[in-house]
Amino acid sequence: MSKASLCVEAKTPEQQLVKEWIKKWKGKIRYLSPNEGCGCCVDLYHVDAPSEVLHELPAQVFCFSEWSNWSPTTR
């Protein structure tokens, strides 16, 4: 499993994309944090999921954190 942090601005196509991705891969995601962003401006999640699942997301939704050990540059 790979740990990644996801950060998207609210009311953007990327926010909707991440929400749909979470629904689609719910059974494969080992860990999904509660939304650690404020929700009105930004959504921030920490996930533990297989690399092939993370590869489905565009690079711009990833952010670096102490949690993350995965980078979209490993594509």
Protein backbone atom coordinates (compact mmCIF):
# COMPACT_ATOMS: atom_id res chain seq x y z
CA MET A 1 0.00 0.00 0.00
CA SER A 2 1.01 3.57 -0.63
CA LYS A 3 0.20 6.54 1.56
CA ALA A 4 -0.78 9.79 -0.14
CA SER A 5 -2.22 13.15 0.82
CA LEU A 6 -4.90 14.71 -1.37
CA CYS A 7 -5.71 18.41 -1.32
CA VAL A 8 -8.28 20.13 -3.52
CA GLU A 9 -10.03 23.48 -3.48
CA ALA A 10 -13.75 23.44 -2.79
CA LYS A 11 -16.21 23.93 -5.64
CA THR A 12 -13.75 22.84 -8.33
CA PRO A 13 -13.80 19.96 -10.81
CA GLU A 14 -10.92 18.41 -8.84
CA GLN A 15 -13.04 18.29 -5.68
CA GLN A 16 -15.77 16.40 -7.51
CA LEU A 17 -13.19 14.10 -9.11
CA VAL A 18 -11.74 13.15 -5.71
CA LYS A 19 -15.21 12.52 -4.26
CA GLU A 20 -16.08 10.23 -7.20
CA TRP A 21 -12.69 8.50 -6.91
CA ILE A 22 -13.32 7.79 -3.21
CA LYS A 23 -16.72 6.25 -4.01
CA LYS A 24 -15.30 4.17 -6.87
CA TRP A 25 -12.37 2.75 -4.90
CA LYS A 26 -13.93 2.54 -1.44
CA GLY A 27 -13.32 -1.22 -1.32
CA LYS A 28 -9.62 -0.90 -2.26
CA ILE A 29 -8.71 2.05 -0.04
CA ARG A 30 -7.29 0.65 3.20
CA TYR A 31 -7.47 3.95 5.06
CA LEU A 32 -9.26 7.22 4.34
CA SER A 33 -8.97 10.02 6.89
CA PRO A 34 -11.86 12.29 7.67
CA ASN A 35 -11.73 15.51 5.66
CA GLU A 36 -9.02 17.45 7.47
CA GLY A 37 -9.64 20.62 5.49
CA CYS A 38 -12.24 23.17 6.44
CA GLY A 39 -14.62 21.89 3.75
CA CYS A 40 -15.68 25.36 2.69
CA CYS A 41 -12.37 26.28 1.04
CA VAL A 42 -10.34 23.10 0.84
CA ASP A 43 -10.64 19.34 1.25
CA LEU A 44 -7.65 17.43 2.62
CA TYR A 45 -7.52 13.65 2.93
CA HIS A 46 -4.84 11.14 3.81
CA VAL A 47 -5.26 7.79 2.09
CA ASP A 48 -3.58 4.40 2.12
CA ALA A 49 -4.30 2.66 -1.16
CA PRO A 50 -2.64 0.54 -3.85
CA SER A 51 -0.44 2.50 -6.24
CA GLU A 52 -2.57 1.51 -9.23
CA VAL A 53 -5.59 3.12 -7.53
CA LEU A 54 -3.63 6.31 -6.79
CA HIS A 55 -2.40 6.47 -10.38
CA GLU A 56 -5.96 7.10 -11.50
CA LEU A 57 -5.88 10.58 -9.95
CA PRO A 58 -4.25 13.57 -11.68
CA ALA A 59 -1.02 14.89 -10.20
CA GLN A 60 -2.56 18.23 -9.19
CA VAL A 61 -4.69 16.67 -6.42
CA PHE A 62 -1.67 15.37 -4.47
CA CYS A 63 0.19 17.33 -1.82
CA PHE A 64 3.21 16.49 0.27
CA SER A 65 2.92 15.80 3.98
CA GLU A 66 4.52 13.77 6.74
CA TRP A 67 1.87 11.11 6.06
CA SER A 68 2.69 10.68 2.38
CA ASN A 69 5.23 8.19 1.05
CA TRP A 70 3.87 8.27 -2.51
CA SER A 71 4.40 10.84 -5.21
CA PRO A 72 2.57 11.25 -8.51
CA THR A 73 5.99 11.65 -10.13
CA THR A 74 6.52 7.90 -9.73
CA ARG A 75 4.15 7.39 -12.66
